[in-house]
Amino acid sequence: MCRRSHFFEENANSMGLLSEVLSMAGGNVQGVQPQQHGTALSAILDYVNSPQVGGIAGLQKMFQQGGLGEVFSSWLSNGQNLPVSASELQNVLHSPALQAAAQKAGIDPSQLTGAMASLLPHLIDKLTPNGHLPDSASLQNILKGLTSGQPS
């Protein structure tokens, strides 16, 4: 887990991943200024990979337990991503982990939640090709492709 988290941290500010996700989101990120997009993406990855969340699989479980399993499943599928609001996220997300990720990034937790509402559907969609959760090694290969600008 530590190795994977370190990998995400090293690659979170990559313009390749950021531009891919921003493009999918239409360039619009709630709650943060354009110069904070990289910071927000890094904070989201820190949050998802925190021990309290447990990666994409842990996040999926949180959404299922919070009544938003269908929304999360849409992000995994090859179809249209269902939207999620910042207030829905606040009801589902692990608050201490969210606060820690926001503090590390130097942004307000409500800003991070807003950015997550914009970016998380597209980030999960991009990181889960073929509609299922990749294992750690596959996820690293996907991120390497994104960060180098190569197709995944």
N, C-alpha and C. Protein backbone atom coordinates (compact mmCIF):
# COMPACT_ATOMS: atom_id res chain seq x y z
N MET A 1 0.82 -1.19 0.00
CA MET A 1 0.00 0.00 0.00
C MET A 1 0.86 1.25 0.00
N CYS A 2 1.88 1.27 0.79
CA CYS A 2 2.75 2.43 0.88
C CYS A 2 3.41 2.70 -0.47
N ARG A 3 3.88 1.64 -1.13
CA ARG A 3 4.53 1.80 -2.42
C ARG A 3 3.56 2.38 -3.44
N ARG A 4 2.33 1.88 -3.47
CA ARG A 4 1.33 2.36 -4.40
C ARG A 4 0.99 3.82 -4.11
N SER A 5 0.84 4.16 -2.84
CA SER A 5 0.54 5.53 -2.47
C SER A 5 1.66 6.45 -2.92
N HIS A 6 2.92 6.03 -2.73
CA HIS A 6 4.06 6.82 -3.16
C HIS A 6 4.02 7.01 -4.67
N PHE A 7 3.67 5.95 -5.40
CA PHE A 7 3.58 6.04 -6.85
C PHE A 7 2.56 7.10 -7.26
N PHE A 8 1.38 7.06 -6.63
CA PHE A 8 0.36 8.06 -6.94
C PHE A 8 0.86 9.46 -6.63
N GLU A 9 1.52 9.62 -5.50
CA GLU A 9 1.99 10.92 -5.09
C GLU A 9 2.97 11.47 -6.12
N GLU A 10 3.86 10.63 -6.62
CA GLU A 10 4.83 11.07 -7.61
C GLU A 10 4.17 11.48 -8.91
N ASN A 11 3.07 10.83 -9.26
CA ASN A 11 2.46 11.06 -10.56
C ASN A 11 1.22 11.94 -10.53
N ALA A 12 0.77 12.34 -9.36
CA ALA A 12 -0.49 13.08 -9.27
C ALA A 12 -0.43 14.42 -9.97
N ASN A 13 0.71 15.07 -9.97
CA ASN A 13 0.81 16.38 -10.60
C ASN A 13 1.16 16.29 -12.08
N SER A 14 1.21 15.11 -12.60
CA SER A 14 1.54 14.93 -14.00
C SER A 14 0.53 15.64 -14.88
N MET A 15 1.04 16.39 -15.82
CA MET A 15 0.16 17.09 -16.75
C MET A 15 -0.61 16.10 -17.61
N GLY A 16 -0.03 14.92 -17.88
CA GLY A 16 -0.74 13.93 -18.69
C GLY A 16 -2.03 13.49 -18.02
N LEU A 17 -1.95 13.08 -16.77
CA LEU A 17 -3.14 12.63 -16.05
C LEU A 17 -4.10 13.79 -15.84
N LEU A 18 -3.57 14.93 -15.44
CA LEU A 18 -4.42 16.09 -15.20
C LEU A 18 -5.15 16.50 -16.46
N SER A 19 -4.45 16.59 -17.58
CA SER A 19 -5.11 17.03 -18.81
C SER A 19 -6.13 16.02 -19.29
N GLU A 20 -5.85 14.71 -19.11
CA GLU A 20 -6.83 13.68 -19.49
C GLU A 20 -8.13 13.85 -18.69
N VAL A 21 -7.99 13.96 -17.38
CA VAL A 21 -9.16 14.05 -16.51
C VAL A 21 -9.89 15.38 -16.72
N LEU A 22 -9.13 16.47 -16.85
CA LEU A 22 -9.77 17.78 -17.10
C LEU A 22 -10.51 17.79 -18.42
N SER A 23 -9.94 17.16 -19.42
CA SER A 23 -10.60 17.09 -20.71
C SER A 23 -11.93 16.34 -20.60
N MET A 24 -11.91 15.23 -19.88
CA MET A 24 -13.13 14.45 -19.67
C MET A 24 -14.18 15.25 -18.89
N ALA A 25 -13.71 16.11 -17.99
CA ALA A 25 -14.61 16.92 -17.16
C ALA A 25 -15.01 18.21 -17.87
N GLY A 26 -14.56 18.39 -19.09
CA GLY A 26 -14.87 19.61 -19.82
C GLY A 26 -14.08 20.81 -19.32
N GLY A 27 -13.01 20.58 -18.57
CA GLY A 27 -12.17 21.66 -18.07
C GLY A 27 -12.74 22.41 -16.89
N ASN A 28 -13.92 22.02 -16.43
CA ASN A 28 -14.58 22.73 -15.35
C ASN A 28 -14.46 21.94 -14.05
N VAL A 29 -13.85 22.56 -13.04
CA VAL A 29 -13.68 21.91 -11.75
C VAL A 29 -14.29 22.81 -10.68
N GLN A 30 -15.34 22.30 -10.02
CA GLN A 30 -16.00 23.06 -8.96
C GLN A 30 -15.06 23.31 -7.80
N GLY A 31 -15.15 24.50 -7.24
CA GLY A 31 -14.52 24.76 -5.95
C GLY A 31 -13.07 25.18 -5.98
N VAL A 32 -12.37 25.02 -7.11
CA VAL A 32 -10.97 25.41 -7.14
C VAL A 32 -10.67 26.25 -8.38
N GLN A 33 -9.70 27.11 -8.24
CA GLN A 33 -9.24 27.94 -9.35
C GLN A 33 -8.42 27.09 -10.32
N PRO A 34 -8.35 27.50 -11.59
CA PRO A 34 -7.58 26.70 -12.56
C PRO A 34 -6.16 26.38 -12.13
N GLN A 35 -5.49 27.30 -11.45
CA GLN A 35 -4.11 27.04 -11.02
C GLN A 35 -4.05 25.99 -9.91
N GLN A 36 -5.19 25.62 -9.32
CA GLN A 36 -5.24 24.62 -8.25
C GLN A 36 -5.66 23.24 -8.76
N HIS A 37 -5.89 23.08 -10.06
CA HIS A 37 -6.36 21.80 -10.58
C HIS A 37 -5.40 20.67 -10.26
N GLY A 38 -4.11 20.87 -10.45
CA GLY A 38 -3.12 19.84 -10.15
C GLY A 38 -3.09 19.50 -8.67
N THR A 39 -3.21 20.53 -7.84
CA THR A 39 -3.24 20.33 -6.39
C THR A 39 -4.46 19.52 -5.99
N ALA A 40 -5.61 19.85 -6.58
CA ALA A 40 -6.84 19.13 -6.27
C ALA A 40 -6.74 17.67 -6.69
N LEU A 41 -6.19 17.41 -7.88
CA LEU A 41 -6.05 16.04 -8.35
C LEU A 41 -5.11 15.26 -7.42
N SER A 42 -4.03 15.87 -7.01
CA SER A 42 -3.10 15.23 -6.08
C SER A 42 -3.80 14.90 -4.76
N ALA A 43 -4.60 15.84 -4.26
CA ALA A 43 -5.33 15.62 -3.00
C ALA A 43 -6.35 14.50 -3.15
N ILE A 44 -7.00 14.42 -4.30
CA ILE A 44 -7.97 13.34 -4.53
C ILE A 44 -7.27 11.99 -4.51
N LEU A 45 -6.13 11.90 -5.18
CA LEU A 45 -5.38 10.65 -5.20
C LEU A 45 -4.87 10.30 -3.80
N ASP A 46 -4.41 11.30 -3.05
CA ASP A 46 -4.00 11.07 -1.66
C ASP A 46 -5.15 10.53 -0.84
N TYR A 47 -6.32 11.12 -1.03
CA TYR A 47 -7.51 10.68 -0.29
C TYR A 47 -7.85 9.23 -0.63
N VAL A 48 -7.97 8.94 -1.92
CA VAL A 48 -8.36 7.59 -2.35
C VAL A 48 -7.39 6.55 -1.83
N ASN A 49 -6.11 6.89 -1.80
CA ASN A 49 -5.09 5.92 -1.39
C ASN A 49 -4.76 5.97 0.09
N SER A 50 -5.51 6.75 0.86
CA SER A 50 -5.28 6.78 2.29
C SER A 50 -5.69 5.43 2.90
N PRO A 51 -5.07 5.05 4.02
CA PRO A 51 -5.43 3.79 4.66
C PRO A 51 -6.91 3.73 5.07
N GLN A 52 -7.49 4.88 5.39
CA GLN A 52 -8.90 4.91 5.79
C GLN A 52 -9.84 4.58 4.63
N VAL A 53 -9.43 4.91 3.41
CA VAL A 53 -10.28 4.65 2.24
C VAL A 53 -9.92 3.31 1.61
N GLY A 54 -8.65 3.07 1.38
CA GLY A 54 -8.23 1.77 0.85
C GLY A 54 -8.26 1.64 -0.65
N GLY A 55 -7.99 2.71 -1.36
CA GLY A 55 -7.92 2.64 -2.82
C GLY A 55 -9.29 2.67 -3.48
N ILE A 56 -9.30 2.34 -4.75
CA ILE A 56 -10.55 2.40 -5.53
C ILE A 56 -11.57 1.40 -4.99
N ALA A 57 -11.13 0.21 -4.60
CA ALA A 57 -12.06 -0.80 -4.07
C ALA A 57 -12.69 -0.31 -2.76
N GLY A 58 -11.90 0.33 -1.91
CA GLY A 58 -12.45 0.88 -0.67
C GLY A 58 -13.42 2.00 -0.93
N LEU A 59 -13.10 2.83 -1.91
CA LEU A 59 -14.00 3.93 -2.28
C LEU A 59 -15.32 3.38 -2.81
N GLN A 60 -15.23 2.34 -3.62
CA GLN A 60 -16.44 1.71 -4.14
C GLN A 60 -17.32 1.20 -3.00
N LYS A 61 -16.70 0.59 -2.01
CA LYS A 61 -17.46 0.07 -0.87
C LYS A 61 -18.14 1.22 -0.11
N MET A 62 -17.44 2.33 0.06
CA MET A 62 -18.02 3.49 0.74
C MET A 62 -19.25 4.01 -0.01
N PHE A 63 -19.16 4.06 -1.32
CA PHE A 63 -20.29 4.52 -2.13
C PHE A 63 -21.47 3.55 -2.01
N GLN A 64 -21.18 2.25 -2.02
CA GLN A 64 -22.25 1.26 -1.88
C GLN A 64 -22.92 1.40 -0.52
N GLN A 65 -22.12 1.53 0.54
CA GLN A 65 -22.69 1.67 1.87
C GLN A 65 -23.46 2.98 2.04
N GLY A 66 -23.08 4.00 1.29
CA GLY A 66 -23.73 5.31 1.39
C GLY A 66 -24.91 5.47 0.44
N GLY A 67 -25.29 4.40 -0.25
CA GLY A 67 -26.44 4.46 -1.14
C GLY A 67 -26.14 5.01 -2.52
N LEU A 68 -24.87 5.15 -2.86
CA LEU A 68 -24.50 5.67 -4.17
C LEU A 68 -23.75 4.64 -5.01
N GLY A 69 -24.01 3.37 -4.73
CA GLY A 69 -23.35 2.29 -5.47
C GLY A 69 -23.62 2.36 -6.97
N GLU A 70 -24.82 2.72 -7.35
CA GLU A 70 -25.17 2.82 -8.77
C GLU A 70 -24.37 3.93 -9.46
N VAL A 71 -24.17 5.03 -8.75
CA VAL A 71 -23.38 6.13 -9.30
C VAL A 71 -21.95 5.67 -9.54
N PHE A 72 -21.35 5.05 -8.53
CA PHE A 72 -19.97 4.57 -8.66
C PHE A 72 -19.88 3.54 -9.78
N SER A 73 -20.83 2.64 -9.86
CA SER A 73 -20.82 1.62 -10.90
C SER A 73 -20.85 2.23 -12.30
N SER A 74 -21.53 3.36 -12.44
CA SER A 74 -21.57 4.02 -13.75
C SER A 74 -20.19 4.52 -14.16
N TRP A 75 -19.37 4.87 -13.17
CA TRP A 75 -18.01 5.33 -13.47
C TRP A 75 -17.13 4.19 -13.93
N LEU A 76 -17.44 2.97 -13.47
CA LEU A 76 -16.68 1.79 -13.86
C LEU A 76 -17.09 1.29 -15.23
N SER A 77 -18.34 1.49 -15.59
CA SER A 77 -18.86 0.94 -16.84
C SER A 77 -18.38 1.78 -18.02
N ASN A 78 -18.62 1.26 -19.20
CA ASN A 78 -18.23 1.96 -20.42
C ASN A 78 -19.27 2.97 -20.86
N GLY A 79 -20.38 3.05 -20.14
CA GLY A 79 -21.44 3.99 -20.50
C GLY A 79 -21.23 5.36 -19.89
N GLN A 80 -22.30 6.13 -19.86
CA GLN A 80 -22.29 7.49 -19.33
C GLN A 80 -22.03 7.49 -17.83
N ASN A 81 -21.18 8.41 -17.37
CA ASN A 81 -20.92 8.58 -15.94
C ASN A 81 -22.06 9.37 -15.31
N LEU A 82 -22.66 8.81 -14.27
CA LEU A 82 -23.67 9.55 -13.54
C LEU A 82 -22.99 10.62 -12.69
N PRO A 83 -23.61 11.79 -12.57
CA PRO A 83 -23.00 12.86 -11.76
C PRO A 83 -23.17 12.60 -10.27
N VAL A 84 -22.34 13.27 -9.49
CA VAL A 84 -22.44 13.24 -8.04
C VAL A 84 -22.24 14.68 -7.57
N SER A 85 -22.98 15.06 -6.56
CA SER A 85 -22.84 16.43 -6.04
C SER A 85 -21.88 16.44 -4.86
N ALA A 86 -21.38 17.62 -4.55
CA ALA A 86 -20.49 17.78 -3.40
C ALA A 86 -21.21 17.38 -2.11
N SER A 87 -22.49 17.69 -1.99
CA SER A 87 -23.22 17.33 -0.77
C SER A 87 -23.41 15.82 -0.67
N GLU A 88 -23.64 15.14 -1.80
CA GLU A 88 -23.73 13.68 -1.77
C GLU A 88 -22.40 13.08 -1.35
N LEU A 89 -21.31 13.65 -1.85
CA LEU A 89 -19.99 13.15 -1.48
C LEU A 89 -19.72 13.32 0.02
N GLN A 90 -20.13 14.43 0.57
CA GLN A 90 -19.91 14.68 2.00
C GLN A 90 -20.59 13.63 2.85
N ASN A 91 -21.70 13.07 2.37
CA ASN A 91 -22.41 12.04 3.11
C ASN A 91 -21.76 10.67 2.99
N VAL A 92 -20.91 10.48 1.99
CA VAL A 92 -20.33 9.17 1.70
C VAL A 92 -18.87 9.08 2.11
N LEU A 93 -18.13 10.15 1.97
CA LEU A 93 -16.67 10.10 2.14
C LEU A 93 -16.25 10.02 3.60
N HIS A 94 -15.07 9.47 3.82
CA HIS A 94 -14.46 9.35 5.14
C HIS A 94 -13.92 10.72 5.52
N SER A 95 -14.59 11.41 6.41
CA SER A 95 -14.28 12.80 6.72
C SER A 95 -12.87 13.05 7.23
N PRO A 96 -12.35 12.29 8.21
CA PRO A 96 -10.98 12.55 8.66
C PRO A 96 -9.94 12.40 7.54
N ALA A 97 -10.11 11.42 6.67
CA ALA A 97 -9.19 11.24 5.56
C ALA A 97 -9.31 12.40 4.57
N LEU A 98 -10.53 12.87 4.35
CA LEU A 98 -10.75 14.01 3.46
C LEU A 98 -10.08 15.26 4.03
N GLN A 99 -10.26 15.49 5.31
CA GLN A 99 -9.64 16.65 5.95
C GLN A 99 -8.12 16.57 5.88
N ALA A 100 -7.56 15.40 6.09
CA ALA A 100 -6.11 15.23 6.04
C ALA A 100 -5.58 15.49 4.63
N ALA A 101 -6.26 14.97 3.60
CA ALA A 101 -5.82 15.19 2.22
C ALA A 101 -5.92 16.66 1.85
N ALA A 102 -6.99 17.32 2.28
CA ALA A 102 -7.16 18.75 1.99
C ALA A 102 -6.09 19.57 2.69
N GLN A 103 -5.83 19.24 3.94
CA GLN A 103 -4.81 19.97 4.70
C GLN A 103 -3.44 19.81 4.07
N LYS A 104 -3.10 18.59 3.66
CA LYS A 104 -1.81 18.34 3.02
C LYS A 104 -1.67 19.16 1.73
N ALA A 105 -2.79 19.30 1.00
CA ALA A 105 -2.78 20.04 -0.26
C ALA A 105 -2.90 21.55 -0.05
N GLY A 106 -3.25 21.96 1.16
CA GLY A 106 -3.39 23.38 1.45
C GLY A 106 -4.67 23.99 0.90
N ILE A 107 -5.72 23.16 0.79
CA ILE A 107 -7.02 23.67 0.35
C ILE A 107 -8.08 23.31 1.37
N ASP A 108 -9.19 24.01 1.32
CA ASP A 108 -10.30 23.78 2.23
C ASP A 108 -10.98 22.46 1.88
N PRO A 109 -11.42 21.67 2.89
CA PRO A 109 -12.12 20.41 2.58
C PRO A 109 -13.34 20.60 1.68
N SER A 110 -14.06 21.71 1.81
CA SER A 110 -15.23 21.92 0.94
C SER A 110 -14.79 22.17 -0.51
N GLN A 111 -13.62 22.80 -0.69
CA GLN A 111 -13.08 22.97 -2.04
C GLN A 111 -12.71 21.61 -2.62
N LEU A 112 -12.11 20.77 -1.80
CA LEU A 112 -11.72 19.44 -2.26
C LEU A 112 -12.96 18.62 -2.63
N THR A 113 -13.99 18.70 -1.82
CA THR A 113 -15.23 17.97 -2.13
C THR A 113 -15.83 18.46 -3.45
N GLY A 114 -15.81 19.77 -3.67
CA GLY A 114 -16.29 20.31 -4.94
C GLY A 114 -15.48 19.81 -6.11
N ALA A 115 -14.16 19.81 -5.96
CA ALA A 115 -13.29 19.31 -7.03
C ALA A 115 -13.54 17.82 -7.26
N MET A 116 -13.77 17.08 -6.18
CA MET A 116 -14.04 15.64 -6.32
C MET A 116 -15.32 15.41 -7.10
N ALA A 117 -16.33 16.24 -6.87
CA ALA A 117 -17.59 16.08 -7.60
C ALA A 117 -17.37 16.23 -9.10
N SER A 118 -16.44 17.10 -9.48
CA SER A 118 -16.13 17.31 -10.90
C SER A 118 -15.19 16.26 -11.47
N LEU A 119 -14.14 15.92 -10.70
CA LEU A 119 -13.06 15.10 -11.24
C LEU A 119 -13.17 13.60 -10.95
N LEU A 120 -13.72 13.24 -9.80
CA LEU A 120 -13.72 11.84 -9.39
C LEU A 120 -14.42 10.91 -10.39
N PRO A 121 -15.58 11.27 -10.95
CA PRO A 121 -16.20 10.36 -11.92
C PRO A 121 -15.28 10.06 -13.10
N HIS A 122 -14.58 11.08 -13.58
CA HIS A 122 -13.72 10.91 -14.75
C HIS A 122 -12.41 10.22 -14.39
N LEU A 123 -11.90 10.49 -13.18
CA LEU A 123 -10.69 9.83 -12.73
C LEU A 123 -10.92 8.33 -12.56
N ILE A 124 -12.01 7.96 -11.90
CA ILE A 124 -12.32 6.53 -11.71
C ILE A 124 -12.57 5.88 -13.06
N ASP A 125 -13.28 6.56 -13.95
CA ASP A 125 -13.54 6.04 -15.29
C ASP A 125 -12.22 5.76 -16.01
N LYS A 126 -11.28 6.69 -15.93
CA LYS A 126 -10.00 6.56 -16.62
C LYS A 126 -9.14 5.46 -16.00
N LEU A 127 -9.22 5.31 -14.68
CA LEU A 127 -8.37 4.33 -13.98
C LEU A 127 -8.96 2.93 -13.95
N THR A 128 -10.16 2.75 -14.49
CA THR A 128 -10.80 1.43 -14.49
C THR A 128 -11.19 1.04 -15.91
N PRO A 129 -10.21 0.79 -16.75
CA PRO A 129 -10.54 0.40 -18.12
C PRO A 129 -11.26 -0.93 -18.14
N ASN A 130 -12.02 -1.12 -19.16
CA ASN A 130 -12.77 -2.36 -19.35
C ASN A 130 -13.82 -2.59 -18.28
N GLY A 131 -14.14 -1.56 -17.52
CA GLY A 131 -15.25 -1.65 -16.59
C GLY A 131 -15.02 -2.42 -15.31
N HIS A 132 -13.78 -2.67 -14.93
CA HIS A 132 -13.54 -3.36 -13.66
C HIS A 132 -12.30 -2.78 -12.99
N LEU A 133 -12.20 -3.04 -11.69
CA LEU A 133 -11.09 -2.53 -10.91
C LEU A 133 -9.80 -3.24 -11.30
N PRO A 134 -8.77 -2.47 -11.65
CA PRO A 134 -7.49 -3.11 -11.96
C PRO A 134 -6.74 -3.48 -10.68
N ASP A 135 -5.86 -4.48 -10.79
CA ASP A 135 -5.00 -4.77 -9.65
C ASP A 135 -3.92 -3.68 -9.58
N SER A 136 -3.14 -3.69 -8.54
CA SER A 136 -2.15 -2.64 -8.30
C SER A 136 -1.17 -2.49 -9.46
N ALA A 137 -0.65 -3.60 -9.97
CA ALA A 137 0.33 -3.55 -11.07
C ALA A 137 -0.30 -2.97 -12.33
N SER A 138 -1.53 -3.38 -12.64
CA SER A 138 -2.21 -2.86 -13.82
C SER A 138 -2.48 -1.37 -13.68
N LEU A 139 -2.86 -0.96 -12.48
CA LEU A 139 -3.13 0.45 -12.23
C LEU A 139 -1.87 1.28 -12.43
N GLN A 140 -0.74 0.78 -11.98
CA GLN A 140 0.52 1.50 -12.19
C GLN A 140 0.83 1.63 -13.67
N ASN A 141 0.58 0.57 -14.46
CA ASN A 141 0.81 0.64 -15.91
C ASN A 141 -0.11 1.65 -16.57
N ILE A 142 -1.36 1.71 -16.13
CA ILE A 142 -2.30 2.68 -16.67
C ILE A 142 -1.80 4.10 -16.39
N LEU A 143 -1.39 4.34 -15.15
CA LEU A 143 -0.90 5.68 -14.78
C LEU A 143 0.37 6.03 -15.54
N LYS A 144 1.24 5.07 -15.75
CA LYS A 144 2.46 5.35 -16.53
C LYS A 144 2.08 5.77 -17.94
N GLY A 145 1.10 5.10 -18.51
CA GLY A 145 0.64 5.48 -19.85
C GLY A 145 0.04 6.86 -19.88
N LEU A 146 -0.77 7.17 -18.88
CA LEU A 146 -1.38 8.50 -18.80
C LEU A 146 -0.32 9.58 -18.63
N THR A 147 0.63 9.34 -17.74
CA THR A 147 1.61 10.37 -17.44
C THR A 147 2.59 10.57 -18.58
N SER A 148 2.77 9.57 -19.40
CA SER A 148 3.68 9.75 -20.54
C SER A 148 2.94 10.17 -21.80
N GLY A 149 1.61 10.26 -21.70
CA GLY A 149 0.81 10.67 -22.85
C GLY A 149 0.52 9.54 -23.81
N GLN A 150 0.86 8.32 -23.45
CA GLN A 150 0.59 7.16 -24.29
C GLN A 150 -0.81 6.67 -24.04
N PRO A 151 -1.45 6.08 -25.03
CA PRO A 151 -2.78 5.53 -24.81
C PRO A 151 -2.71 4.38 -23.82
N SER A 152 -3.76 4.26 -22.98
CA SER A 152 -3.78 3.20 -21.99
C SER A 152 -4.48 1.98 -22.51
